[in-house]
């Protein structure tokens, strides 16, 4: 009735068309023959579950330029033998894949010395110190010894204690007026001292060596702040870097080690201030029990050795040397008379 194919007549039905065309069968036949149809028809047939889409992949195989009946082994390395016998000319090499991911790297870690060094640096920064430049491993004997009022006849300056540089053998000369003041202080004294009453050699002073302590850097920096524009200004400086000694390595000595050094320059400071600085510094490193023992250094007076109580060893361990720099060292630089300089140093490894 809906498609007007038949109608009711009286008590029966009559045909309204000559024949009926099965459009669905026709559509399915087209899909079967061509594999496709209008999108709307395909959608309707799928909805009625009369057809199901299937994907067919077809490959066309033919011989390529590198066709061979055997698998050829590709070379991964160019060897010396291949170059010598010429076989590299006929060899096929595997291409490098520069986009390939490399092996995962293992996580690194700081060396224990670097950890302690950074810890000490932060302590100095927290206490208001500035870091001195220490990139000059080779020093002149003048800055390493003479300017610090270390006599030229001192045993520490001999070959068995210090590494001297053979070439170049001589250093550049310091300021001539400053050099003459240092020389005079050594030979005849001054600034309340009688000096060493011994000849002072320019040849000895110009020798080059691997610095035996970073105090050579501190001495140079003190000379700079004494002669800076505007005159002297109080300063707190530190350094942590390598020094070199002609030592036989044992449990407490190394030929190369790191020296930690602190220097405070100001007016009218005393040995008590030095002890206070060291107590504050070592408290931050975990050393709470300290002892101070009188000592001797050519360039400090008074001088002290610092000991800390070691809980594991149950004894006192020497950890630092310290003192107040002598006027014979400071005043030839041009520092005012009222300025005192406190210094202490220790080995990072210890």
C-alpha atoms as a PDB file:
ATOM      1  CA  UNK A   1       0.000   0.000   0.000  1.00  0.00           C
ATOM      2  CA  UNK A   2       2.716   2.514   1.010  1.00  0.00           C
ATOM      3  CA  UNK A   3       4.680   2.118  -2.213  1.00  0.00           C
ATOM      4  CA  UNK A   4       1.422   1.910  -4.260  1.00  0.00           C
ATOM      5  CA  UNK A   5       2.222  -1.511  -5.569  1.00  0.00           C
ATOM      6  CA  UNK A   6      -1.195  -2.982  -4.672  1.00  0.00           C
ATOM      7  CA  UNK A   7      -4.646  -1.656  -3.760  1.00  0.00           C
ATOM      8  CA  UNK A   8      -7.826  -2.995  -2.128  1.00  0.00           C
ATOM      9  CA  UNK A   9     -10.790  -3.579  -4.343  1.00  0.00           C
ATOM     10  CA  UNK A  10     -13.929  -4.909  -2.721  1.00  0.00           C
ATOM     11  CA  UNK A  11     -13.034  -7.887  -0.642  1.00  0.00           C
ATOM     12  CA  UNK A  12      -9.778  -8.517  -2.533  1.00  0.00           C
ATOM     13  CA  UNK A  13      -6.458  -6.953  -3.641  1.00  0.00           C
ATOM     14  CA  UNK A  14      -5.468  -5.843  -7.097  1.00  0.00           C
ATOM     15  CA  UNK A  15      -1.983  -5.193  -8.604  1.00  0.00           C
ATOM     16  CA  UNK A  16      -1.244  -1.603  -9.534  1.00  0.00           C
ATOM     17  CA  UNK A  17       2.081  -2.182 -11.370  1.00  0.00           C
ATOM     18  CA  UNK A  18       3.241  -4.650 -13.970  1.00  0.00           C
ATOM     19  CA  UNK A  19       6.310  -5.745 -11.962  1.00  0.00           C
ATOM     20  CA  UNK A  20       8.392  -5.024  -8.830  1.00  0.00           C
ATOM     21  CA  UNK A  21      12.107  -4.098  -9.013  1.00  0.00           C
ATOM     22  CA  UNK A  22      14.296  -5.202  -6.056  1.00  0.00           C
ATOM     23  CA  UNK A  23      16.452  -2.047  -5.662  1.00  0.00           C
ATOM     24  CA  UNK A  24      18.312  -3.490  -2.680  1.00  0.00           C
ATOM     25  CA  UNK A  25      19.444  -6.473  -4.722  1.00  0.00           C
ATOM     26  CA  UNK A  26      20.494  -4.110  -7.508  1.00  0.00           C
ATOM     27  CA  UNK A  27      22.506  -1.982  -5.072  1.00  0.00           C
ATOM     28  CA  UNK A  28      24.186  -5.049  -3.595  1.00  0.00           C
ATOM     29  CA  UNK A  29      25.019  -6.274  -7.101  1.00  0.00           C
ATOM     30  CA  UNK A  30      26.727  -2.943  -7.909  1.00  0.00           C
ATOM     31  CA  UNK A  31      28.717  -3.101  -4.679  1.00  0.00           C
ATOM     32  CA  UNK A  32      29.750  -6.660  -5.468  1.00  0.00           C
ATOM     33  CA  UNK A  33      30.884  -5.788  -8.989  1.00  0.00           C
ATOM     34  CA  UNK A  34      32.505  -2.397  -8.403  1.00  0.00           C
ATOM     35  CA  UNK A  35      33.369  -2.576  -4.725  1.00  0.00           C
ATOM     36  CA  UNK A  36      31.789   0.826  -4.117  1.00  0.00           C
ATOM     37  CA  UNK A  37      28.563   2.868  -4.394  1.00  0.00           C
ATOM     38  CA  UNK A  38      27.178   6.228  -3.417  1.00  0.00           C
ATOM     39  CA  UNK A  39      28.046   7.170   0.148  1.00  0.00           C
ATOM     40  CA  UNK A  40      24.398   7.401   1.246  1.00  0.00           C
ATOM     41  CA  UNK A  41      23.587   3.953  -0.183  1.00  0.00           C
ATOM     42  CA  UNK A  42      26.702   2.400   1.410  1.00  0.00           C
ATOM     43  CA  UNK A  43      25.735   3.919   4.746  1.00  0.00           C
ATOM     44  CA  UNK A  44      22.167   2.559   4.476  1.00  0.00           C
ATOM     45  CA  UNK A  45      23.327  -0.940   3.517  1.00  0.00           C
ATOM     46  CA  UNK A  46      25.789  -0.971   6.443  1.00  0.00           C
ATOM     47  CA  UNK A  47      23.031   0.175   8.754  1.00  0.00           C
ATOM     48  CA  UNK A  48      20.867  -2.741   7.598  1.00  0.00           C
ATOM     49  CA  UNK A  49      23.917  -5.013   8.109  1.00  0.00           C
ATOM     50  CA  UNK A  50      23.760  -6.151   4.515  1.00  0.00           C
ATOM     51  CA  UNK A  51      27.408  -5.265   3.842  1.00  0.00           C
ATOM     52  CA  UNK A  52      30.562  -5.079   5.980  1.00  0.00           C
ATOM     53  CA  UNK A  53      33.642  -3.001   4.987  1.00  0.00           C
ATOM     54  CA  UNK A  54      36.894  -4.916   4.532  1.00  0.00           C
ATOM     55  CA  UNK A  55      40.368  -3.520   3.838  1.00  0.00           C
ATOM     56  CA  UNK A  56      42.527  -5.218   1.221  1.00  0.00           C
ATOM     57  CA  UNK A  57      46.234  -4.321   0.853  1.00  0.00           C
ATOM     58  CA  UNK A  58      47.966  -5.225  -2.376  1.00  0.00           C
ATOM     59  CA  UNK A  59      51.725  -5.198  -2.949  1.00  0.00           C
ATOM     60  CA  UNK A  60      53.573  -4.953  -6.206  1.00  0.00           C
ATOM     61  CA  UNK A  61      57.004  -6.608  -6.065  1.00  0.00           C
ATOM     62  CA  UNK A  62      59.784  -6.018  -8.588  1.00  0.00           C
ATOM     63  CA  UNK A  63      63.560  -6.152  -8.671  1.00  0.00           C
ATOM     64  CA  UNK A  64      65.329  -3.093  -7.272  1.00  0.00           C
ATOM     65  CA  UNK A  65      68.789  -1.667  -8.085  1.00  0.00           C
ATOM     66  CA  UNK A  66      70.375  -3.630  -5.201  1.00  0.00           C
ATOM     67  CA  UNK A  67      68.635  -6.937  -5.941  1.00  0.00           C
ATOM     68  CA  UNK A  68      70.729  -9.964  -4.996  1.00  0.00           C
ATOM     69  CA  UNK A  69      70.071 -13.620  -4.385  1.00  0.00           C
ATOM     70  CA  UNK A  70      72.286 -13.560  -1.277  1.00  0.00           C
ATOM     71  CA  UNK A  71      72.230 -11.290   1.778  1.00  0.00           C
ATOM     72  CA  UNK A  72      75.411  -9.204   1.741  1.00  0.00           C
ATOM     73  CA  UNK A  73      77.068  -8.414   5.065  1.00  0.00           C
ATOM     74  CA  UNK A  74      77.481  -4.651   5.501  1.00  0.00           C
ATOM     75  CA  UNK A  75      80.689  -3.362   7.044  1.00  0.00           C
ATOM     76  CA  UNK A  76      80.360  -1.198  10.139  1.00  0.00           C
ATOM     77  CA  UNK A  77      84.004  -0.092  10.501  1.00  0.00           C
ATOM     78  CA  UNK A  78      86.797   0.942   8.176  1.00  0.00           C
ATOM     79  CA  UNK A  79      89.808  -1.035   9.400  1.00  0.00           C
ATOM     80  CA  UNK A  80      93.524  -0.605   8.794  1.00  0.00           C
ATOM     81  CA  UNK A  81      93.620  -3.961   6.971  1.00  0.00           C
ATOM     82  CA  UNK A  82      90.877  -2.849   4.564  1.00  0.00           C
ATOM     83  CA  UNK A  83      92.857   0.277   3.733  1.00  0.00           C
ATOM     84  CA  UNK A  84      96.089  -1.702   3.306  1.00  0.00           C
ATOM     85  CA  UNK A  85      94.682  -4.369   0.945  1.00  0.00           C
ATOM     86  CA  UNK A  86      92.234  -2.068  -0.859  1.00  0.00           C
ATOM     87  CA  UNK A  87      89.163  -4.154  -0.024  1.00  0.00           C
ATOM     88  CA  UNK A  88      87.352  -1.028   1.165  1.00  0.00           C
ATOM     89  CA  UNK A  89      86.781  -0.070  -2.483  1.00  0.00           C
ATOM     90  CA  UNK A  90      84.374  -2.980  -3.035  1.00  0.00           C
ATOM     91  CA  UNK A  91      82.931  -3.097   0.457  1.00  0.00           C
ATOM     92  CA  UNK A  92      79.430  -1.941   1.343  1.00  0.00           C
ATOM     93  CA  UNK A  93      79.206   0.073   4.535  1.00  0.00           C
ATOM     94  CA  UNK A  94      76.287   0.351   6.871  1.00  0.00           C
ATOM     95  CA  UNK A  95      74.887   3.857   7.046  1.00  0.00           C
ATOM     96  CA  UNK A  96      75.098   5.694  10.335  1.00  0.00           C
ATOM     97  CA  UNK A  97      71.810   6.552  11.953  1.00  0.00           C
ATOM     98  CA  UNK A  98      72.520   9.941  13.453  1.00  0.00           C
ATOM     99  CA  UNK A  99      68.948  10.207  14.717  1.00  0.00           C
ATOM    100  CA  UNK A 100      69.219   7.048  16.833  1.00  0.00           C
ATOM    101  CA  UNK A 101      68.961   7.522  20.583  1.00  0.00           C
ATOM    102  CA  UNK A 102      72.212   6.887  22.444  1.00  0.00           C
ATOM    103  CA  UNK A 103      72.676   4.864  25.568  1.00  0.00           C
ATOM    104  CA  UNK A 104      71.123   6.525  28.614  1.00  0.00           C
ATOM    105  CA  UNK A 105      73.713   8.376  30.677  1.00  0.00           C
ATOM    106  CA  UNK A 106      74.275   7.467  34.290  1.00  0.00           C
ATOM    107  CA  UNK A 107      73.615  10.154  36.887  1.00  0.00           C
ATOM    108  CA  UNK A 108      76.795  11.893  38.056  1.00  0.00           C
ATOM    109  CA  UNK A 109      77.768  12.965  41.552  1.00  0.00           C
ATOM    110  CA  UNK A 110      80.004  15.635  43.033  1.00  0.00           C
ATOM    111  CA  UNK A 111      83.379  14.575  44.378  1.00  0.00           C
ATOM    112  CA  UNK A 112      83.448  14.695  48.211  1.00  0.00           C
ATOM    113  CA  UNK A 113      86.151  17.392  48.087  1.00  0.00           C
ATOM    114  CA  UNK A 114      83.977  19.553  45.827  1.00  0.00           C
ATOM    115  CA  UNK A 115      81.057  19.128  48.225  1.00  0.00           C
ATOM    116  CA  UNK A 116      83.148  20.256  51.201  1.00  0.00           C
ATOM    117  CA  UNK A 117      84.661  23.082  49.145  1.00  0.00           C
ATOM    118  CA  UNK A 118      81.227  24.403  48.209  1.00  0.00           C
ATOM    119  CA  UNK A 119      80.080  24.097  51.826  1.00  0.00           C
ATOM    120  CA  UNK A 120      83.067  26.163  53.003  1.00  0.00           C
ATOM    121  CA  UNK A 121      82.488  28.757  50.259  1.00  0.00           C
ATOM    122  CA  UNK A 122      78.903  29.232  51.396  1.00  0.00           C
ATOM    123  CA  UNK A 123      80.037  29.644  55.015  1.00  0.00           C
ATOM    124  CA  UNK A 124      82.491  32.366  53.976  1.00  0.00           C
ATOM    125  CA  UNK A 125      79.809  34.104  51.891  1.00  0.00           C
ATOM    126  CA  UNK A 126      77.374  33.942  54.827  1.00  0.00           C
ATOM    127  CA  UNK A 127      80.011  35.628  57.000  1.00  0.00           C
ATOM    128  CA  UNK A 128      80.401  38.491  54.517  1.00  0.00           C
ATOM    129  CA  UNK A 129      83.661  37.438  52.825  1.00  0.00           C
ATOM    130  CA  UNK A 130      84.512  37.947  49.147  1.00  0.00           C
ATOM    131  CA  UNK A 131      86.403  35.339  47.110  1.00  0.00           C
ATOM    132  CA  UNK A 132      89.917  36.103  45.867  1.00  0.00           C
ATOM    133  CA  UNK A 133      91.044  35.124  42.331  1.00  0.00           C
ATOM    134  CA  UNK A 134      93.343  32.096  42.621  1.00  0.00           C
ATOM    135  CA  UNK A 135      93.931  31.081  38.991  1.00  0.00           C
ATOM    136  CA  UNK A 136      97.697  31.730  39.117  1.00  0.00           C
ATOM    137  CA  UNK A 137      99.406  28.482  40.116  1.00  0.00           C
ATOM    138  CA  UNK A 138     102.887  29.749  39.179  1.00  0.00           C
ATOM    139  CA  UNK A 139     104.101  32.544  41.446  1.00  0.00           C
ATOM    140  CA  UNK A 140     107.310  34.479  41.859  1.00  0.00           C
ATOM    141  CA  UNK A 141     109.414  33.897  44.949  1.00  0.00           C
ATOM    142  CA  UNK A 142     108.851  37.579  45.719  1.00  0.00           C
ATOM    143  CA  UNK A 143     105.085  37.192  46.257  1.00  0.00           C
ATOM    144  CA  UNK A 144     105.302  33.666  47.656  1.00  0.00           C
ATOM    145  CA  UNK A 145     108.051  34.448  50.204  1.00  0.00           C
ATOM    146  CA  UNK A 146     109.738  37.882  50.164  1.00  0.00           C
ATOM    147  CA  UNK A 147     106.638  40.082  50.405  1.00  0.00           C
ATOM    148  CA  UNK A 148     105.496  37.917  53.343  1.00  0.00           C
ATOM    149  CA  UNK A 149     108.743  38.630  55.241  1.00  0.00           C
ATOM    150  CA  UNK A 150     109.999  35.049  54.834  1.00  0.00           C
ATOM    151  CA  UNK A 151     113.832  35.220  54.861  1.00  0.00           C
ATOM    152  CA  UNK A 152     115.627  34.191  51.686  1.00  0.00           C
ATOM    153  CA  UNK A 153     117.658  31.735  53.760  1.00  0.00           C
ATOM    154  CA  UNK A 154     114.542  29.949  55.094  1.00  0.00           C
ATOM    155  CA  UNK A 155     114.639  26.113  54.678  1.00  0.00           C
ATOM    156  CA  UNK A 156     111.147  26.099  53.090  1.00  0.00           C
ATOM    157  CA  UNK A 157     112.635  27.866  50.043  1.00  0.00           C
ATOM    158  CA  UNK A 158     115.043  25.047  49.246  1.00  0.00           C
ATOM    159  CA  UNK A 159     114.554  22.634  46.347  1.00  0.00           C
ATOM    160  CA  UNK A 160     113.553  19.740  48.597  1.00  0.00           C
ATOM    161  CA  UNK A 161     110.508  21.687  49.824  1.00  0.00           C
ATOM    162  CA  UNK A 162     109.448  23.788  46.819  1.00  0.00           C
ATOM    163  CA  UNK A 163     108.854  23.039  43.122  1.00  0.00           C
ATOM    164  CA  UNK A 164     110.789  25.617  41.073  1.00  0.00           C
ATOM    165  CA  UNK A 165     110.046  26.294  37.394  1.00  0.00           C
ATOM    166  CA  UNK A 166     112.963  25.763  34.996  1.00  0.00           C
ATOM    167  CA  UNK A 167     111.552  27.652  32.000  1.00  0.00           C
ATOM    168  CA  UNK A 168     110.879  30.513  32.142  1.00  0.00           C
ATOM    169  CA  UNK A 169     113.252  30.852  35.051  1.00  0.00           C
ATOM    170  CA  UNK A 170     112.519  34.488  35.947  1.00  0.00           C
ATOM    171  CA  UNK A 171     109.353  36.377  36.787  1.00  0.00           C
ATOM    172  CA  UNK A 172     108.315  39.905  35.906  1.00  0.00           C
ATOM    173  CA  UNK A 173     109.502  42.474  38.416  1.00  0.00           C
ATOM    174  CA  UNK A 174     107.073  44.003  40.923  1.00  0.00           C
ATOM    175  CA  UNK A 175     106.762  47.737  41.509  1.00  0.00           C
ATOM    176  CA  UNK A 176     110.343  48.935  42.055  1.00  0.00           C
ATOM    177  CA  UNK A 177     109.597  51.201  45.030  1.00  0.00           C
ATOM    178  CA  UNK A 178     107.701  48.415  46.783  1.00  0.00           C
ATOM    179  CA  UNK A 179     110.510  45.967  46.002  1.00  0.00           C
ATOM    180  CA  UNK A 180     113.096  48.318  47.544  1.00  0.00           C
ATOM    181  CA  UNK A 181     111.008  48.730  50.711  1.00  0.00           C
ATOM    182  CA  UNK A 182     110.713  44.939  51.062  1.00  0.00           C
ATOM    183  CA  UNK A 183     114.444  44.513  50.440  1.00  0.00           C
ATOM    184  CA  UNK A 184     115.345  47.142  53.043  1.00  0.00           C
ATOM    185  CA  UNK A 185     113.031  45.544  55.616  1.00  0.00           C
ATOM    186  CA  UNK A 186     114.746  42.168  55.102  1.00  0.00           C
ATOM    187  CA  UNK A 187     118.298  43.542  55.211  1.00  0.00           C
ATOM    188  CA  UNK A 188     118.240  46.259  57.892  1.00  0.00           C
ATOM    189  CA  UNK A 189     114.721  46.180  59.320  1.00  0.00           C
ATOM    190  CA  UNK A 190     112.171  48.906  59.871  1.00  0.00           C
ATOM    191  CA  UNK A 191     108.652  49.300  61.246  1.00  0.00           C
ATOM    192  CA  UNK A 192     109.910  48.260  64.683  1.00  0.00           C
ATOM    193  CA  UNK A 193     112.074  45.387  63.388  1.00  0.00           C
ATOM    194  CA  UNK A 194     115.815  44.882  62.925  1.00  0.00           C
ATOM    195  CA  UNK A 195     115.224  42.659  59.876  1.00  0.00           C
ATOM    196  CA  UNK A 196     117.210  39.517  59.147  1.00  0.00           C
ATOM    197  CA  UNK A 197     120.606  41.234  58.746  1.00  0.00           C
ATOM    198  CA  UNK A 198     121.297  39.090  55.677  1.00  0.00           C
ATOM    199  CA  UNK A 199     121.865  39.867  51.972  1.00  0.00           C
ATOM    200  CA  UNK A 200     118.708  40.133  49.843  1.00  0.00           C
ATOM    201  CA  UNK A 201     119.125  38.743  46.304  1.00  0.00           C
ATOM    202  CA  UNK A 202     117.066  39.965  43.351  1.00  0.00           C
ATOM    203  CA  UNK A 203     117.932  36.733  41.533  1.00  0.00           C
ATOM    204  CA  UNK A 204     116.386  34.718  44.369  1.00  0.00           C
ATOM    205  CA  UNK A 205     113.369  37.023  44.421  1.00  0.00           C
ATOM    206  CA  UNK A 206     112.675  36.601  40.688  1.00  0.00           C
ATOM    207  CA  UNK A 207     112.587  32.793  40.701  1.00  0.00           C
ATOM    208  CA  UNK A 208     109.358  31.187  39.505  1.00  0.00           C
ATOM    209  CA  UNK A 209     107.760  28.364  41.477  1.00  0.00           C
ATOM    210  CA  UNK A 210     104.524  26.472  42.018  1.00  0.00           C
ATOM    211  CA  UNK A 211     102.902  28.378  44.861  1.00  0.00           C
ATOM    212  CA  UNK A 212     103.362  26.674  48.217  1.00  0.00           C
ATOM    213  CA  UNK A 213     100.361  28.440  49.783  1.00  0.00           C
ATOM    214  CA  UNK A 214      97.477  30.664  48.721  1.00  0.00           C
ATOM    215  CA  UNK A 215      98.802  33.299  51.142  1.00  0.00           C
ATOM    216  CA  UNK A 216     100.794  34.477  48.114  1.00  0.00           C
ATOM    217  CA  UNK A 217      97.434  35.454  46.588  1.00  0.00           C
ATOM    218  CA  UNK A 218      96.354  37.117  49.844  1.00  0.00           C
ATOM    219  CA  UNK A 219      99.599  39.137  49.902  1.00  0.00           C
ATOM    220  CA  UNK A 220      99.016  40.396  46.366  1.00  0.00           C
ATOM    221  CA  UNK A 221      95.395  41.301  47.216  1.00  0.00           C
ATOM    222  CA  UNK A 222      96.469  43.171  50.365  1.00  0.00           C
ATOM    223  CA  UNK A 223      98.951  45.176  48.278  1.00  0.00           C
ATOM    224  CA  UNK A 224      96.144  46.011  45.834  1.00  0.00           C
ATOM    225  CA  UNK A 225      93.690  47.209  48.505  1.00  0.00           C
ATOM    226  CA  UNK A 226      96.488  49.255  50.116  1.00  0.00           C
ATOM    227  CA  UNK A 227      97.066  51.095  46.828  1.00  0.00           C
ATOM    228  CA  UNK A 228      93.541  51.238  45.413  1.00  0.00           C
ATOM    229  CA  UNK A 229      91.982  54.589  44.405  1.00  0.00           C
ATOM    230  CA  UNK A 230      90.525  56.244  47.491  1.00  0.00           C
ATOM    231  CA  UNK A 231      92.927  54.474  49.832  1.00  0.00           C
ATOM    232  CA  UNK A 232      92.512  51.481  52.104  1.00  0.00           C
ATOM    233  CA  UNK A 233      89.064  50.139  52.947  1.00  0.00           C
ATOM    234  CA  UNK A 234      88.405  47.263  55.408  1.00  0.00           C
ATOM    235  CA  UNK A 235      88.053  43.901  53.690  1.00  0.00           C
ATOM    236  CA  UNK A 236      87.216  40.263  54.417  1.00  0.00           C
ATOM    237  CA  UNK A 237      88.521  37.850  51.782  1.00  0.00           C
ATOM    238  CA  UNK A 238      88.901  34.105  51.333  1.00  0.00           C
ATOM    239  CA  UNK A 239      90.285  31.602  48.844  1.00  0.00           C
ATOM    240  CA  UNK A 240      90.106  27.832  48.297  1.00  0.00           C
ATOM    241  CA  UNK A 241      92.470  26.393  45.722  1.00  0.00           C
ATOM    242  CA  UNK A 242      95.402  24.106  44.990  1.00  0.00           C
ATOM    243  CA  UNK A 243      98.915  24.534  46.364  1.00  0.00           C
ATOM    244  CA  UNK A 244     102.050  22.463  45.804  1.00  0.00           C
ATOM    245  CA  UNK A 245     104.771  21.177  48.123  1.00  0.00           C
ATOM    246  CA  UNK A 246     107.744  18.939  47.422  1.00  0.00           C
ATOM    247  CA  UNK A 247     106.511  16.460  50.030  1.00  0.00           C
ATOM    248  CA  UNK A 248     106.590  12.695  50.367  1.00  0.00           C
ATOM    249  CA  UNK A 249     102.955  11.592  50.371  1.00  0.00           C
ATOM    250  CA  UNK A 250     101.834   9.945  53.613  1.00  0.00           C
ATOM    251  CA  UNK A 251      98.802   9.928  55.917  1.00  0.00           C
ATOM    252  CA  UNK A 252      99.099  13.666  56.665  1.00  0.00           C
ATOM    253  CA  UNK A 253     101.064  15.081  53.692  1.00  0.00           C
ATOM    254  CA  UNK A 254     100.435  15.470  49.958  1.00  0.00           C
ATOM    255  CA  UNK A 255     102.474  17.016  47.152  1.00  0.00           C
ATOM    256  CA  UNK A 256      99.317  18.747  45.913  1.00  0.00           C
ATOM    257  CA  UNK A 257      96.375  19.745  48.077  1.00  0.00           C
ATOM    258  CA  UNK A 258      93.752  22.465  48.536  1.00  0.00           C
ATOM    259  CA  UNK A 259      94.305  25.302  50.980  1.00  0.00           C
ATOM    260  CA  UNK A 260      91.397  27.135  52.594  1.00  0.00           C
ATOM    261  CA  UNK A 261      92.357  30.643  53.678  1.00  0.00           C
ATOM    262  CA  UNK A 262      90.556  33.551  55.286  1.00  0.00           C
ATOM    263  CA  UNK A 263      91.908  37.103  55.656  1.00  0.00           C
ATOM    264  CA  UNK A 264      90.387  40.038  57.560  1.00  0.00           C
ATOM    265  CA  UNK A 265      91.898  43.534  57.234  1.00  0.00           C
ATOM    266  CA  UNK A 266      90.592  46.370  59.419  1.00  0.00           C
ATOM    267  CA  UNK A 267      91.609  49.020  61.926  1.00  0.00           C
ATOM    268  CA  UNK A 268      92.562  48.008  65.479  1.00  0.00           C
ATOM    269  CA  UNK A 269      91.436  44.369  65.359  1.00  0.00           C
ATOM    270  CA  UNK A 270      93.130  41.948  67.738  1.00  0.00           C
ATOM    271  CA  UNK A 271      94.006  38.315  68.349  1.00  0.00           C
ATOM    272  CA  UNK A 272      90.696  38.010  70.204  1.00  0.00           C
ATOM    273  CA  UNK A 273      88.862  38.948  66.998  1.00  0.00           C
ATOM    274  CA  UNK A 274      90.800  36.234  65.151  1.00  0.00           C
ATOM    275  CA  UNK A 275      89.789  33.630  67.746  1.00  0.00           C
ATOM    276  CA  UNK A 276      86.183  34.818  67.486  1.00  0.00           C
ATOM    277  CA  UNK A 277      86.204  34.545  63.687  1.00  0.00           C
ATOM    278  CA  UNK A 278      87.636  31.032  63.809  1.00  0.00           C
ATOM    279  CA  UNK A 279      85.158  29.884  66.457  1.00  0.00           C
ATOM    280  CA  UNK A 280      82.243  31.217  64.386  1.00  0.00           C
ATOM    281  CA  UNK A 281      83.617  29.612  61.216  1.00  0.00           C
ATOM    282  CA  UNK A 282      84.323  26.192  62.709  1.00  0.00           C
ATOM    283  CA  UNK A 283      81.001  26.123  64.569  1.00  0.00           C
ATOM    284  CA  UNK A 284      79.353  26.174  61.140  1.00  0.00           C
ATOM    285  CA  UNK A 285      81.494  23.200  60.012  1.00  0.00           C
ATOM    286  CA  UNK A 286      80.553  21.092  63.051  1.00  0.00           C
ATOM    287  CA  UNK A 287      83.762  21.623  65.061  1.00  0.00           C
ATOM    288  CA  UNK A 288      82.505  22.752  68.461  1.00  0.00           C
ATOM    289  CA  UNK A 289      85.518  21.947  70.675  1.00  0.00           C
ATOM    290  CA  UNK A 290      88.555  24.044  69.752  1.00  0.00           C
ATOM    291  CA  UNK A 291      91.942  24.666  71.307  1.00  0.00           C
ATOM    292  CA  UNK A 292      94.492  27.322  70.362  1.00  0.00           C
ATOM    293  CA  UNK A 293      98.219  26.762  70.817  1.00  0.00           C
ATOM    294  CA  UNK A 294     101.010  29.355  70.353  1.00  0.00           C
ATOM    295  CA  UNK A 295     103.110  28.748  67.233  1.00  0.00           C
ATOM    296  CA  UNK A 296     105.697  30.435  65.001  1.00  0.00           C
ATOM    297  CA  UNK A 297     105.342  31.731  61.441  1.00  0.00           C
ATOM    298  CA  UNK A 298     107.820  34.154  59.808  1.00  0.00           C
ATOM    299  CA  UNK A 299     104.989  36.414  58.637  1.00  0.00           C
ATOM    300  CA  UNK A 300     102.585  36.382  61.628  1.00  0.00           C
ATOM    301  CA  UNK A 301     103.060  37.455  65.241  1.00  0.00           C
ATOM    302  CA  UNK A 302     101.370  36.281  67.373  1.00  0.00           C
ATOM    303  CA  UNK A 303     100.704  32.935  65.674  1.00  0.00           C
ATOM    304  CA  UNK A 304      98.446  30.055  66.703  1.00  0.00           C
ATOM    305  CA  UNK A 305      97.760  26.466  65.751  1.00  0.00           C
ATOM    306  CA  UNK A 306      94.104  25.411  65.943  1.00  0.00           C
ATOM    307  CA  UNK A 307      93.078  21.987  67.257  1.00  0.00           C
ATOM    308  CA  UNK A 308      89.648  20.338  67.199  1.00  0.00           C
ATOM    309  CA  UNK A 309      88.434  17.401  69.287  1.00  0.00           C
ATOM    310  CA  UNK A 310      87.799  14.306  67.126  1.00  0.00           C
ATOM    311  CA  UNK A 311      85.055  12.152  68.641  1.00  0.00           C
ATOM    312  CA  UNK A 312      85.926   9.120  66.512  1.00  0.00           C
ATOM    313  CA  UNK A 313      89.644   9.134  67.342  1.00  0.00           C
ATOM    314  CA  UNK A 314      89.067  10.501  70.838  1.00  0.00           C
ATOM    315  CA  UNK A 315      91.941  12.969  70.568  1.00  0.00           C
ATOM    316  CA  UNK A 316      92.791  16.540  69.521  1.00  0.00           C
ATOM    317  CA  UNK A 317      93.574  16.991  65.802  1.00  0.00           C
ATOM    318  CA  UNK A 318      95.403  19.991  64.326  1.00  0.00           C
ATOM    319  CA  UNK A 319      93.127  21.586  61.715  1.00  0.00           C
ATOM    320  CA  UNK A 320      94.525  25.065  60.986  1.00  0.00           C
ATOM    321  CA  UNK A 321      97.294  27.617  61.375  1.00  0.00           C
ATOM    322  CA  UNK A 322      96.630  31.284  62.047  1.00  0.00           C
ATOM    323  CA  UNK A 323      98.026  34.583  63.200  1.00  0.00           C
ATOM    324  CA  UNK A 324      98.212  38.367  62.902  1.00  0.00           C
ATOM    325  CA  UNK A 325     100.316  39.504  59.932  1.00  0.00           C
ATOM    326  CA  UNK A 326     103.500  41.314  60.951  1.00  0.00           C
ATOM    327  CA  UNK A 327     104.033  45.066  60.375  1.00  0.00           C
ATOM    328  CA  UNK A 328     107.201  44.164  58.394  1.00  0.00           C
ATOM    329  CA  UNK A 329     104.861  42.547  55.844  1.00  0.00           C
ATOM    330  CA  UNK A 330     102.003  45.075  55.871  1.00  0.00           C
ATOM    331  CA  UNK A 331     103.575  48.523  56.141  1.00  0.00           C
ATOM    332  CA  UNK A 332     105.912  48.227  53.115  1.00  0.00           C
ATOM    333  CA  UNK A 333     102.727  47.628  51.074  1.00  0.00           C
ATOM    334  CA  UNK A 334     101.461  51.068  52.046  1.00  0.00           C
ATOM    335  CA  UNK A 335      98.783  49.994  54.539  1.00  0.00           C
ATOM    336  CA  UNK A 336      98.118  52.582  57.290  1.00  0.00           C
ATOM    337  CA  UNK A 337      99.776  51.962  60.660  1.00  0.00           C
ATOM    338  CA  UNK A 338      96.508  51.270  62.477  1.00  0.00           C
ATOM    339  CA  UNK A 339      95.490  48.498  60.075  1.00  0.00           C
ATOM    340  CA  UNK A 340      95.899  44.928  61.249  1.00  0.00           C
ATOM    341  CA  UNK A 341      95.344  41.814  59.162  1.00  0.00           C
ATOM    342  CA  UNK A 342      94.164  38.503  60.613  1.00  0.00           C
ATOM    343  CA  UNK A 343      94.678  35.294  58.676  1.00  0.00           C
ATOM    344  CA  UNK A 344      94.107  31.592  59.028  1.00  0.00           C
ATOM    345  CA  UNK A 345      94.489  28.627  56.704  1.00  0.00           C
ATOM    346  CA  UNK A 346      93.897  24.899  56.592  1.00  0.00           C
ATOM    347  CA  UNK A 347      93.904  21.989  54.175  1.00  0.00           C
ATOM    348  CA  UNK A 348      90.579  21.076  52.568  1.00  0.00           C
ATOM    349  CA  UNK A 349      91.620  17.403  52.469  1.00  0.00           C
ATOM    350  CA  UNK A 350      92.381  17.365  56.193  1.00  0.00           C
END
